Amino acid sequence: MTPRTYSPVLPLAGIALISLLLPGCVAAVLGSSSQSGTSSDTRLRGPSASDTRLQAAVQNRLAGDSALRGANVQVEASGSVVTLRGSALSAAQSSAASRVAKATSGVSAVVNQLKVP
């Protein structure tokens, strides 16, 4: 039997091939490759007009609710999901904010991230 010798050429060729193909794969996954059919990654864009309208509707309802006086609530909408951030004076006030947001037309879910002391 002839002893086998190790040749570093084959592994290096594989690494070189991967390094040439990988940037195209990343671009295709992110949606910014010229072959992906899109010119940019839409996840990097700001809120849509409908998101902005929904956000404003929730903010108006929260501002008009007397049970939420003293709360500091920021609203973000993405699709029909609303996220509440900031602070509430109590757990009851935090729950009230969720109820008001959920009752707003167009809201399917509320993610309540309000901090309570």
N, C-alpha and C. Protein backbone atom coordinates (compact mmCIF):
# COMPACT_ATOMS: atom_id res chain seq x y z
N MET A 1 0.82 -1.18 0.00
CA MET A 1 0.00 0.00 0.00
C MET A 1 0.86 1.24 0.00
N THR A 2 0.46 2.17 -0.80
CA THR A 2 1.18 3.43 -0.89
C THR A 2 0.58 4.40 0.12
N PRO A 3 1.40 5.05 0.92
CA PRO A 3 0.86 6.01 1.89
C PRO A 3 0.29 7.22 1.15
N ARG A 4 -0.82 7.74 1.67
CA ARG A 4 -1.44 8.93 1.08
C ARG A 4 -0.75 10.18 1.61
N THR A 5 -0.61 11.12 0.75
CA THR A 5 -0.05 12.41 1.16
C THR A 5 -1.16 13.44 1.17
N TYR A 6 -1.08 14.36 2.06
CA TYR A 6 -2.08 15.42 2.20
C TYR A 6 -1.76 16.54 1.22
N SER A 7 -2.77 16.96 0.47
CA SER A 7 -2.61 18.05 -0.48
C SER A 7 -3.52 19.20 -0.05
N PRO A 8 -2.96 20.35 0.30
CA PRO A 8 -3.78 21.48 0.75
C PRO A 8 -4.52 22.19 -0.40
N VAL A 9 -4.29 21.79 -1.63
CA VAL A 9 -4.88 22.49 -2.77
C VAL A 9 -6.39 22.31 -2.82
N LEU A 10 -6.89 21.10 -2.61
CA LEU A 10 -8.32 20.85 -2.72
C LEU A 10 -9.12 21.62 -1.66
N PRO A 11 -8.75 21.58 -0.38
CA PRO A 11 -9.51 22.38 0.59
C PRO A 11 -9.46 23.88 0.30
N LEU A 12 -8.32 24.37 -0.15
CA LEU A 12 -8.20 25.79 -0.47
C LEU A 12 -9.07 26.18 -1.66
N ALA A 13 -9.18 25.29 -2.62
CA ALA A 13 -10.04 25.56 -3.77
C ALA A 13 -11.50 25.64 -3.34
N GLY A 14 -11.90 24.77 -2.41
CA GLY A 14 -13.26 24.80 -1.90
C GLY A 14 -13.55 26.09 -1.15
N ILE A 15 -12.62 26.54 -0.34
CA ILE A 15 -12.78 27.79 0.41
C ILE A 15 -12.87 28.97 -0.56
N ALA A 16 -12.04 28.96 -1.58
CA ALA A 16 -12.07 30.04 -2.57
C ALA A 16 -13.42 30.07 -3.30
N LEU A 17 -13.95 28.92 -3.65
CA LEU A 17 -15.23 28.86 -4.33
C LEU A 17 -16.35 29.38 -3.42
N ILE A 18 -16.36 28.98 -2.17
CA ILE A 18 -17.38 29.44 -1.22
C ILE A 18 -17.30 30.95 -1.04
N SER A 19 -16.09 31.48 -0.92
CA SER A 19 -15.95 32.93 -0.70
C SER A 19 -16.40 33.73 -1.92
N LEU A 20 -16.36 33.14 -3.10
CA LEU A 20 -16.84 33.83 -4.29
C LEU A 20 -18.37 33.78 -4.39
N LEU A 21 -18.98 32.71 -3.93
CA LEU A 21 -20.42 32.54 -4.05
C LEU A 21 -21.20 33.14 -2.88
N LEU A 22 -20.61 33.22 -1.71
CA LEU A 22 -21.32 33.66 -0.51
C LEU A 22 -21.90 35.06 -0.61
N PRO A 23 -21.19 36.08 -1.12
CA PRO A 23 -21.81 37.41 -1.19
C PRO A 23 -23.09 37.44 -2.03
N GLY A 24 -23.15 36.69 -3.09
CA GLY A 24 -24.36 36.63 -3.90
C GLY A 24 -25.51 35.99 -3.15
N CYS A 25 -25.21 34.98 -2.32
CA CYS A 25 -26.25 34.32 -1.53
C CYS A 25 -26.81 35.28 -0.50
N VAL A 26 -25.95 36.01 0.16
CA VAL A 26 -26.39 36.96 1.18
C VAL A 26 -27.27 38.02 0.54
N ALA A 27 -26.86 38.52 -0.61
CA ALA A 27 -27.65 39.55 -1.29
C ALA A 27 -29.01 38.99 -1.71
N ALA A 28 -29.05 37.77 -2.17
CA ALA A 28 -30.32 37.17 -2.58
C ALA A 28 -31.24 36.97 -1.38
N VAL A 29 -30.70 36.55 -0.26
CA VAL A 29 -31.50 36.35 0.94
C VAL A 29 -32.06 37.67 1.44
N LEU A 30 -31.28 38.72 1.41
CA LEU A 30 -31.73 40.03 1.87
C LEU A 30 -32.61 40.74 0.86
N GLY A 31 -32.64 40.26 -0.36
CA GLY A 31 -33.51 40.87 -1.36
C GLY A 31 -32.89 42.04 -2.08
N SER A 32 -31.58 42.19 -2.02
CA SER A 32 -30.96 43.33 -2.68
C SER A 32 -30.11 42.92 -3.88
N SER A 33 -30.14 41.68 -4.21
CA SER A 33 -29.40 41.20 -5.37
C SER A 33 -30.16 41.54 -6.65
N SER A 34 -29.45 41.82 -7.70
CA SER A 34 -30.11 42.12 -8.97
C SER A 34 -30.88 40.91 -9.48
N GLN A 35 -30.54 39.69 -9.02
CA GLN A 35 -31.25 38.49 -9.43
C GLN A 35 -32.44 38.18 -8.54
N SER A 36 -32.63 38.90 -7.45
CA SER A 36 -33.67 38.54 -6.50
C SER A 36 -35.04 39.07 -6.89
N GLY A 37 -35.11 39.98 -7.86
CA GLY A 37 -36.39 40.51 -8.28
C GLY A 37 -36.80 41.76 -7.53
N THR A 38 -36.04 42.15 -6.53
CA THR A 38 -36.34 43.39 -5.80
C THR A 38 -35.08 44.24 -5.76
N SER A 39 -35.28 45.55 -5.66
CA SER A 39 -34.12 46.42 -5.69
C SER A 39 -33.58 46.73 -4.31
N SER A 40 -34.39 46.48 -3.27
CA SER A 40 -33.90 46.73 -1.92
C SER A 40 -34.69 45.91 -0.92
N ASP A 41 -34.17 45.83 0.27
CA ASP A 41 -34.83 45.10 1.34
C ASP A 41 -35.93 45.97 1.91
N THR A 42 -37.18 45.57 1.72
CA THR A 42 -38.31 46.40 2.16
C THR A 42 -38.40 46.49 3.67
N ARG A 43 -37.73 45.61 4.41
CA ARG A 43 -37.78 45.68 5.87
C ARG A 43 -37.06 46.91 6.39
N LEU A 44 -36.25 47.54 5.58
CA LEU A 44 -35.48 48.70 6.01
C LEU A 44 -36.24 50.00 5.82
N ARG A 45 -37.42 49.94 5.22
CA ARG A 45 -38.21 51.14 4.99
C ARG A 45 -38.99 51.50 6.24
N GLY A 46 -39.47 52.74 6.30
CA GLY A 46 -40.25 53.20 7.43
C GLY A 46 -41.66 52.64 7.39
N PRO A 47 -42.50 53.11 8.30
CA PRO A 47 -43.87 52.60 8.36
C PRO A 47 -44.67 53.00 7.12
N SER A 48 -45.62 52.16 6.76
CA SER A 48 -46.48 52.46 5.61
C SER A 48 -47.52 53.49 6.02
N ALA A 49 -48.26 54.00 5.05
CA ALA A 49 -49.29 54.99 5.33
C ALA A 49 -50.37 54.39 6.23
N SER A 50 -50.72 53.13 6.01
CA SER A 50 -51.74 52.50 6.85
C SER A 50 -51.23 52.30 8.28
N ASP A 51 -49.94 52.00 8.42
CA ASP A 51 -49.35 51.89 9.77
C ASP A 51 -49.43 53.24 10.48
N THR A 52 -49.13 54.31 9.75
CA THR A 52 -49.15 55.65 10.33
C THR A 52 -50.57 56.04 10.74
N ARG A 53 -51.56 55.70 9.91
CA ARG A 53 -52.96 55.99 10.26
C ARG A 53 -53.40 55.21 11.49
N LEU A 54 -53.04 53.93 11.54
CA LEU A 54 -53.41 53.11 12.69
C LEU A 54 -52.73 53.62 13.96
N GLN A 55 -51.47 53.99 13.86
CA GLN A 55 -50.74 54.54 15.00
C GLN A 55 -51.43 55.80 15.52
N ALA A 56 -51.81 56.69 14.61
CA ALA A 56 -52.49 57.93 15.00
C ALA A 56 -53.84 57.65 15.65
N ALA A 57 -54.57 56.68 15.11
CA ALA A 57 -55.88 56.34 15.67
C ALA A 57 -55.74 55.83 17.11
N VAL A 58 -54.77 54.97 17.33
CA VAL A 58 -54.55 54.44 18.69
C VAL A 58 -54.10 55.55 19.62
N GLN A 59 -53.17 56.39 19.17
CA GLN A 59 -52.70 57.50 20.01
C GLN A 59 -53.86 58.42 20.40
N ASN A 60 -54.75 58.72 19.46
CA ASN A 60 -55.90 59.58 19.75
C ASN A 60 -56.83 58.95 20.78
N ARG A 61 -57.07 57.66 20.65
CA ARG A 61 -57.94 56.99 21.62
C ARG A 61 -57.30 56.94 23.00
N LEU A 62 -55.99 56.69 23.04
CA LEU A 62 -55.30 56.66 24.34
C LEU A 62 -55.33 58.05 24.99
N ALA A 63 -55.09 59.09 24.18
CA ALA A 63 -55.07 60.46 24.71
C ALA A 63 -56.43 60.89 25.23
N GLY A 64 -57.50 60.34 24.65
CA GLY A 64 -58.84 60.72 25.05
C GLY A 64 -59.41 59.93 26.21
N ASP A 65 -58.66 58.95 26.71
CA ASP A 65 -59.16 58.12 27.80
C ASP A 65 -58.69 58.66 29.14
N SER A 66 -59.64 59.06 29.99
CA SER A 66 -59.28 59.68 31.27
C SER A 66 -58.56 58.71 32.21
N ALA A 67 -58.75 57.41 32.03
CA ALA A 67 -58.08 56.42 32.88
C ALA A 67 -56.58 56.36 32.62
N LEU A 68 -56.16 56.97 31.52
CA LEU A 68 -54.74 56.89 31.15
C LEU A 68 -53.98 58.19 31.42
N ARG A 69 -54.58 59.10 32.17
CA ARG A 69 -53.88 60.34 32.52
C ARG A 69 -52.64 60.02 33.34
N GLY A 70 -51.55 60.65 32.98
CA GLY A 70 -50.28 60.43 33.68
C GLY A 70 -49.43 59.32 33.09
N ALA A 71 -50.01 58.54 32.19
CA ALA A 71 -49.23 57.49 31.52
C ALA A 71 -48.43 58.11 30.39
N ASN A 72 -47.29 57.54 30.12
CA ASN A 72 -46.42 57.99 29.03
C ASN A 72 -46.35 56.84 28.03
N VAL A 73 -47.20 56.88 27.00
CA VAL A 73 -47.33 55.75 26.08
C VAL A 73 -46.94 56.17 24.67
N GLN A 74 -45.98 55.44 24.11
CA GLN A 74 -45.62 55.60 22.70
C GLN A 74 -46.22 54.42 21.95
N VAL A 75 -46.72 54.69 20.76
CA VAL A 75 -47.40 53.67 19.96
C VAL A 75 -46.63 53.45 18.67
N GLU A 76 -46.48 52.18 18.33
CA GLU A 76 -45.88 51.81 17.04
C GLU A 76 -46.80 50.78 16.40
N ALA A 77 -47.08 50.95 15.12
CA ALA A 77 -47.95 50.01 14.40
C ALA A 77 -47.17 49.37 13.26
N SER A 78 -47.37 48.08 13.11
CA SER A 78 -46.78 47.34 12.00
C SER A 78 -47.82 46.34 11.53
N GLY A 79 -48.37 46.60 10.35
CA GLY A 79 -49.50 45.79 9.91
C GLY A 79 -50.67 46.12 10.82
N SER A 80 -51.27 45.12 11.40
CA SER A 80 -52.38 45.37 12.32
C SER A 80 -51.97 45.13 13.77
N VAL A 81 -50.65 45.01 14.00
CA VAL A 81 -50.13 44.78 15.36
C VAL A 81 -49.62 46.10 15.91
N VAL A 82 -50.07 46.44 17.11
CA VAL A 82 -49.69 47.68 17.77
C VAL A 82 -48.80 47.34 18.97
N THR A 83 -47.69 48.07 19.09
CA THR A 83 -46.80 47.91 20.24
C THR A 83 -46.87 49.17 21.09
N LEU A 84 -47.09 48.97 22.39
CA LEU A 84 -47.13 50.08 23.35
C LEU A 84 -45.85 50.06 24.16
N ARG A 85 -45.17 51.21 24.19
CA ARG A 85 -43.92 51.35 24.97
C ARG A 85 -44.04 52.58 25.85
N GLY A 86 -43.24 52.63 26.87
CA GLY A 86 -43.25 53.77 27.77
C GLY A 86 -43.55 53.31 29.18
N SER A 87 -44.37 54.10 29.89
CA SER A 87 -44.65 53.74 31.28
C SER A 87 -46.10 54.03 31.64
N ALA A 88 -46.61 53.26 32.57
CA ALA A 88 -47.95 53.45 33.13
C ALA A 88 -47.78 53.61 34.64
N LEU A 89 -48.74 54.27 35.26
CA LEU A 89 -48.65 54.50 36.69
C LEU A 89 -48.98 53.26 37.52
N SER A 90 -49.70 52.31 36.91
CA SER A 90 -50.09 51.10 37.63
C SER A 90 -50.33 49.97 36.63
N ALA A 91 -50.45 48.76 37.15
CA ALA A 91 -50.76 47.62 36.29
C ALA A 91 -52.15 47.78 35.68
N ALA A 92 -53.07 48.35 36.45
CA ALA A 92 -54.43 48.58 35.94
C ALA A 92 -54.40 49.56 34.78
N GLN A 93 -53.58 50.58 34.87
CA GLN A 93 -53.48 51.57 33.79
C GLN A 93 -52.84 50.94 32.56
N SER A 94 -51.86 50.07 32.76
CA SER A 94 -51.23 49.37 31.65
C SER A 94 -52.25 48.47 30.94
N SER A 95 -53.06 47.77 31.71
CA SER A 95 -54.11 46.92 31.13
C SER A 95 -55.14 47.75 30.38
N ALA A 96 -55.48 48.91 30.94
CA ALA A 96 -56.44 49.80 30.28
C ALA A 96 -55.89 50.26 28.93
N ALA A 97 -54.61 50.57 28.87
CA ALA A 97 -54.00 50.99 27.61
C ALA A 97 -54.10 49.88 26.57
N SER A 98 -53.86 48.65 26.99
CA SER A 98 -53.99 47.51 26.07
C SER A 98 -55.42 47.37 25.58
N ARG A 99 -56.39 47.50 26.49
CA ARG A 99 -57.81 47.37 26.10
C ARG A 99 -58.22 48.45 25.10
N VAL A 100 -57.79 49.68 25.36
CA VAL A 100 -58.14 50.79 24.47
C VAL A 100 -57.51 50.57 23.10
N ALA A 101 -56.25 50.18 23.08
CA ALA A 101 -55.57 49.94 21.80
C ALA A 101 -56.24 48.80 21.04
N LYS A 102 -56.55 47.72 21.72
CA LYS A 102 -57.16 46.55 21.08
C LYS A 102 -58.55 46.88 20.53
N ALA A 103 -59.25 47.81 21.17
CA ALA A 103 -60.60 48.18 20.74
C ALA A 103 -60.59 49.12 19.53
N THR A 104 -59.42 49.58 19.14
CA THR A 104 -59.30 50.48 17.99
C THR A 104 -59.49 49.68 16.70
N SER A 105 -60.29 50.20 15.80
CA SER A 105 -60.55 49.54 14.53
C SER A 105 -59.24 49.33 13.76
N GLY A 106 -59.03 48.12 13.27
CA GLY A 106 -57.84 47.80 12.49
C GLY A 106 -56.76 47.11 13.30
N VAL A 107 -56.90 47.07 14.63
CA VAL A 107 -55.89 46.43 15.49
C VAL A 107 -56.27 44.97 15.71
N SER A 108 -55.34 44.07 15.38
CA SER A 108 -55.60 42.65 15.59
C SER A 108 -54.89 42.13 16.85
N ALA A 109 -53.79 42.79 17.23
CA ALA A 109 -53.03 42.35 18.40
C ALA A 109 -52.32 43.55 19.01
N VAL A 110 -52.10 43.46 20.32
CA VAL A 110 -51.38 44.50 21.04
C VAL A 110 -50.21 43.86 21.79
N VAL A 111 -49.04 44.43 21.61
CA VAL A 111 -47.86 44.01 22.37
C VAL A 111 -47.62 45.11 23.40
N ASN A 112 -47.87 44.78 24.66
CA ASN A 112 -47.76 45.77 25.73
C ASN A 112 -46.38 45.65 26.38
N GLN A 113 -45.55 46.65 26.15
CA GLN A 113 -44.22 46.70 26.75
C GLN A 113 -44.12 47.87 27.74
N LEU A 114 -45.26 48.30 28.25
CA LEU A 114 -45.27 49.41 29.21
C LEU A 114 -44.62 48.98 30.52
N LYS A 115 -43.82 49.85 31.05
CA LYS A 115 -43.18 49.59 32.34
C LYS A 115 -44.07 50.17 33.44
N VAL A 116 -44.19 49.41 34.52
CA VAL A 116 -44.99 49.82 35.67
C VAL A 116 -44.07 49.86 36.88
N PRO A 117 -44.14 50.95 37.69
CA PRO A 117 -43.25 51.04 38.86
C PRO A 117 -43.54 49.97 39.89
